[in-house]
C-alpha atoms as a PDB file:
ATOM      1  CA  MET A   1       0.000   0.000   0.000  1.00  0.00           C
ATOM      2  CA  ASN A   2       1.398   3.317  -1.066  1.00  0.00           C
ATOM      3  CA  LYS A   3       0.119   5.779   1.531  1.00  0.00           C
ATOM      4  CA  SER A   4       1.256   8.755  -0.515  1.00  0.00           C
ATOM      5  CA  GLY A   5      -0.291   7.382  -3.716  1.00  0.00           C
ATOM      6  CA  PRO A   6      -3.455   8.628  -5.345  1.00  0.00           C
ATOM      7  CA  ILE A   7      -6.926   7.930  -4.059  1.00  0.00           C
ATOM      8  CA  ILE A   8      -8.959   6.376  -6.854  1.00  0.00           C
ATOM      9  CA  ILE A   9     -12.668   7.214  -6.995  1.00  0.00           C
ATOM     10  CA  ILE A  10     -14.778   5.192  -9.415  1.00  0.00           C
ATOM     11  CA  GLU A  11     -18.063   7.086  -9.607  1.00  0.00           C
ATOM     12  CA  ASP A  12     -20.243   7.790 -12.631  1.00  0.00           C
ATOM     13  CA  ASP A  13     -22.503  10.361 -10.948  1.00  0.00           C
ATOM     14  CA  ILE A  14     -21.046  13.814 -11.614  1.00  0.00           C
ATOM     15  CA  ASP A  15     -22.939  15.364  -8.668  1.00  0.00           C
ATOM     16  CA  ASP A  16     -21.385  12.804  -6.299  1.00  0.00           C
ATOM     17  CA  GLN A  17     -17.970  13.497  -7.813  1.00  0.00           C
ATOM     18  CA  GLU A  18     -18.406  17.222  -7.164  1.00  0.00           C
ATOM     19  CA  LEU A  19     -19.371  16.571  -3.528  1.00  0.00           C
ATOM     20  CA  LEU A  20     -16.342  14.349  -3.074  1.00  0.00           C
ATOM     21  CA  GLU A  21     -14.093  16.999  -4.657  1.00  0.00           C
ATOM     22  CA  GLU A  22     -15.378  19.501  -2.116  1.00  0.00           C
ATOM     23  CA  VAL A  23     -14.832  17.066   0.754  1.00  0.00           C
ATOM     24  CA  PHE A  24     -11.280  16.180  -0.293  1.00  0.00           C
ATOM     25  CA  GLY A  25     -10.564  19.872  -0.786  1.00  0.00           C
ATOM     26  CA  ASN A  26     -11.723  20.584   2.760  1.00  0.00           C
ATOM     27  CA  LEU A  27      -9.716  17.693   4.220  1.00  0.00           C
ATOM     28  CA  ARG A  28      -6.525  18.757   2.413  1.00  0.00           C
ATOM     29  CA  TYR A  29      -4.892  15.351   2.154  1.00  0.00           C
ATOM     30  CA  ARG A  30      -1.685  15.346   0.142  1.00  0.00           C
ATOM     31  CA  ASN A  31      -2.904  12.421  -1.968  1.00  0.00           C
ATOM     32  CA  GLN A  32      -3.978  13.198  -5.507  1.00  0.00           C
ATOM     33  CA  VAL A  33      -7.614  12.192  -6.098  1.00  0.00           C
ATOM     34  CA  ILE A  34      -8.287  10.609  -9.475  1.00  0.00           C
ATOM     35  CA  TYR A  35     -11.834  10.082 -10.738  1.00  0.00           C
ATOM     36  CA  PHE A  36     -13.062   7.467 -13.183  1.00  0.00           C
ATOM     37  CA  VAL A  37     -16.620   7.171 -14.487  1.00  0.00           C
ATOM     38  CA  ASP A  38     -15.878   3.866 -16.196  1.00  0.00           C
ATOM     39  CA  ALA A  39     -14.543   0.772 -14.405  1.00  0.00           C
ATOM     40  CA  ASN A  40     -12.690  -0.424 -17.510  1.00  0.00           C
ATOM     41  CA  GLU A  41     -10.685   2.803 -17.622  1.00  0.00           C
ATOM     42  CA  ALA A  42      -9.933   2.479 -13.916  1.00  0.00           C
ATOM     43  CA  LEU A  43      -8.731  -1.095 -14.432  1.00  0.00           C
ATOM     44  CA  GLN A  44      -6.437  -0.024 -17.279  1.00  0.00           C
ATOM     45  CA  TYR A  45      -4.977   2.653 -15.014  1.00  0.00           C
ATOM     46  CA  LEU A  46      -4.519   0.235 -12.102  1.00  0.00           C
ATOM     47  CA  ASN A  47      -2.746  -2.308 -14.319  1.00  0.00           C
ATOM     48  CA  ARG A  48       0.009   0.125 -15.242  1.00  0.00           C
ATOM     49  CA  ASN A  49       3.347  -0.777 -13.635  1.00  0.00           C
ATOM     50  CA  ASP A  50       4.004   2.823 -12.623  1.00  0.00           C
ATOM     51  CA  THR A  51       0.683   3.131 -10.773  1.00  0.00           C
ATOM     52  CA  HIS A  52       0.641   2.570  -7.005  1.00  0.00           C
ATOM     53  CA  PRO A  53      -2.606   3.962  -5.551  1.00  0.00           C
ATOM     54  CA  PHE A  54      -3.302   4.350  -1.867  1.00  0.00           C
ATOM     55  CA  LEU A  55      -7.012   3.534  -1.837  1.00  0.00           C
ATOM     56  CA  ILE A  56      -9.933   2.714  -4.130  1.00  0.00           C
ATOM     57  CA  LEU A  57     -13.476   3.947  -3.430  1.00  0.00           C
ATOM     58  CA  SER A  58     -15.870   2.359  -5.909  1.00  0.00           C
ATOM     59  CA  ASP A  59     -19.544   2.739  -6.585  1.00  0.00           C
ATOM     60  CA  LEU A  60     -21.461  -0.485  -7.258  1.00  0.00           C
ATOM     61  CA  ASN A  61     -23.654   0.641 -10.136  1.00  0.00           C
ATOM     62  CA  LEU A  62     -21.321   1.601 -12.944  1.00  0.00           C
ATOM     63  CA  PRO A  63     -21.754   1.520 -16.718  1.00  0.00           C
ATOM     64  CA  LYS A  64     -20.245  -1.367 -18.722  1.00  0.00           C
ATOM     65  CA  MET A  65     -18.567  -3.118 -15.759  1.00  0.00           C
ATOM     66  CA  ASN A  66     -20.159  -2.857 -12.302  1.00  0.00           C
ATOM     67  CA  GLY A  67     -18.266  -2.573  -9.040  1.00  0.00           C
ATOM     68  CA  PHE A  68     -18.510  -6.302  -8.291  1.00  0.00           C
ATOM     69  CA  GLU A  69     -17.059  -7.197 -11.676  1.00  0.00           C
ATOM     70  CA  LEU A  70     -14.245  -4.688 -11.231  1.00  0.00           C
ATOM     71  CA  ARG A  71     -13.428  -5.996  -7.761  1.00  0.00           C
ATOM     72  CA  ASN A  72     -13.379  -9.544  -9.120  1.00  0.00           C
ATOM     73  CA  GLU A  73     -10.927  -8.523 -11.873  1.00  0.00           C
ATOM     74  CA  ILE A  74      -8.644  -6.898  -9.301  1.00  0.00           C
ATOM     75  CA  PHE A  75      -9.004  -9.804  -6.859  1.00  0.00           C
ATOM     76  CA  ARG A  76      -7.950 -12.342  -9.519  1.00  0.00           C
ATOM     77  CA  ASN A  77      -4.956 -10.296 -10.717  1.00  0.00           C
ATOM     78  CA  LEU A  78      -1.779 -11.232  -8.812  1.00  0.00           C
ATOM     79  CA  GLN A  79       0.045  -8.051  -9.862  1.00  0.00           C
ATOM     80  CA  LEU A  80      -2.776  -5.910  -8.432  1.00  0.00           C
ATOM     81  CA  GLN A  81      -3.046  -8.055  -5.295  1.00  0.00           C
ATOM     82  CA  ASN A  82       0.652  -7.427  -4.623  1.00  0.00           C
ATOM     83  CA  LYS A  83       0.058  -3.677  -4.700  1.00  0.00           C
ATOM     84  CA  CYS A  84      -2.124  -4.106  -1.565  1.00  0.00           C
ATOM     85  CA  ILE A  85      -4.628  -1.422  -2.561  1.00  0.00           C
ATOM     86  CA  PRO A  86      -7.564  -1.269  -0.138  1.00  0.00           C
ATOM     87  CA  TYR A  87     -10.798  -1.605  -2.115  1.00  0.00           C
ATOM     88  CA  LEU A  88     -13.947  -0.179  -0.552  1.00  0.00           C
ATOM     89  CA  PHE A  89     -17.447   0.109  -1.901  1.00  0.00           C
ATOM     90  CA  PHE A  90     -18.935   3.571  -1.478  1.00  0.00           C
ATOM     91  CA  THR A  91     -22.461   3.443  -2.807  1.00  0.00           C
ATOM     92  CA  SER A  92     -25.988   4.829  -2.504  1.00  0.00           C
ATOM     93  CA  GLY A  93     -27.723   1.770  -1.091  1.00  0.00           C
ATOM     94  CA  ALA A  94     -27.202  -1.707   0.250  1.00  0.00           C
ATOM     95  CA  ASP A  95     -28.991  -4.923   0.908  1.00  0.00           C
ATOM     96  CA  ARG A  96     -27.861  -8.131   2.573  1.00  0.00           C
ATOM     97  CA  LYS A  97     -26.933  -9.812  -0.723  1.00  0.00           C
ATOM     98  CA  SER A  98     -24.811  -6.870  -1.921  1.00  0.00           C
ATOM     99  CA  VAL A  99     -22.878  -6.643   1.324  1.00  0.00           C
ATOM    100  CA  THR A 100     -22.402 -10.425   1.519  1.00  0.00           C
ATOM    101  CA  ASP A 101     -21.273 -10.587  -2.120  1.00  0.00           C
ATOM    102  CA  ALA A 102     -18.858  -7.713  -1.558  1.00  0.00           C
ATOM    103  CA  TYR A 103     -17.177  -9.361   1.399  1.00  0.00           C
ATOM    104  CA  GLY A 104     -17.061 -12.603  -0.580  1.00  0.00           C
ATOM    105  CA  LEU A 105     -14.758 -10.693  -2.941  1.00  0.00           C
ATOM    106  CA  SER A 106     -12.603  -9.600   0.020  1.00  0.00           C
ATOM    107  CA  VAL A 107     -13.465  -5.903  -0.057  1.00  0.00           C
ATOM    108  CA  GLN A 108     -12.066  -3.988   2.876  1.00  0.00           C
ATOM    109  CA  GLY A 109     -15.223  -1.979   3.504  1.00  0.00           C
ATOM    110  CA  PHE A 110     -18.757  -1.263   2.372  1.00  0.00           C
ATOM    111  CA  PHE A 111     -20.086   2.233   3.006  1.00  0.00           C
ATOM    112  CA  ILE A 112     -23.343   4.027   2.217  1.00  0.00           C
ATOM    113  CA  LYS A 113     -22.859   7.569   0.941  1.00  0.00           C
ATOM    114  CA  PRO A 114     -24.117   9.903   3.671  1.00  0.00           C
ATOM    115  CA  ALA A 115     -26.814  12.408   2.784  1.00  0.00           C
ATOM    116  CA  SER A 116     -25.169  15.528   4.229  1.00  0.00           C
ATOM    117  CA  ILE A 117     -21.849  17.078   3.255  1.00  0.00           C
ATOM    118  CA  HIS A 118     -20.795  17.120   6.930  1.00  0.00           C
ATOM    119  CA  ALA A 119     -21.490  13.394   7.358  1.00  0.00           C
ATOM    120  CA  LEU A 120     -19.780  12.652   4.027  1.00  0.00           C
ATOM    121  CA  GLN A 121     -16.682  14.535   5.119  1.00  0.00           C
ATOM    122  CA  ASP A 122     -16.654  12.724   8.472  1.00  0.00           C
ATOM    123  CA  THR A 123     -16.931   9.326   6.752  1.00  0.00           C
ATOM    124  CA  ILE A 124     -14.158  10.087   4.243  1.00  0.00           C
ATOM    125  CA  ARG A 125     -11.918  11.368   7.035  1.00  0.00           C
ATOM    126  CA  LYS A 126     -12.410   8.157   9.049  1.00  0.00           C
ATOM    127  CA  ILE A 127     -11.735   5.960   6.019  1.00  0.00           C
ATOM    128  CA  VAL A 128      -8.556   7.753   4.939  1.00  0.00           C
ATOM    129  CA  GLU A 129      -7.131   8.090   8.428  1.00  0.00           C
ATOM    130  CA  TYR A 130      -7.778   4.419   9.191  1.00  0.00           C
ATOM    131  CA  TRP A 131      -5.867   3.325   6.093  1.00  0.00           C
ATOM    132  CA  GLN A 132      -3.068   5.808   6.782  1.00  0.00           C
ATOM    133  CA  GLU A 133      -2.465   4.009  10.081  1.00  0.00           C
ATOM    134  CA  CYS A 134      -2.900   0.461   8.752  1.00  0.00           C
ATOM    135  CA  MET A 135       0.105  -1.727   7.903  1.00  0.00           C
ATOM    136  CA  ALA A 136       0.323  -3.752   4.684  1.00  0.00           C
ATOM    137  CA  PRO A 137       2.775  -6.419   3.448  1.00  0.00           C
ATOM    138  CA  SER A 138       3.898  -4.139   0.622  1.00  0.00           C
ATOM    139  CA  GLN A 139       5.447  -1.763   3.186  1.00  0.00           C
ATOM    140  CA  PHE A 140       8.182  -4.308   3.909  1.00  0.00           C
ATOM    141  CA  GLU A 141       9.459  -4.617   0.321  1.00  0.00           C
END
């Protein structure tokens, strides 16, 4: 896990992207935030050898390839597994099956997007600060 690497946001809703931009602007983390509206484009980016992201926040409902399919592609890819990138779902709704399926793909978190900007900022802060403190095998290479 590259704690100084970019935070990858895979979100096709432009309004949600704008809210997240405001939140990350307020929190002033040094990490670059990179947005993708398409999971295939995100996967191409992640597969580059020179790419070492810190964290992935992914919506579930995405065009072309949904969040589950993307997570499965990452989970099955040894090169991406070795990068130790925390993968979290950050979505509008949840049901038992979605949460169970997500953890079956070894996601590191499943979060519902809060309704208020204050709650959204608080959630993002908790997520980022948790992963900043967390150790990963890639830190010993």
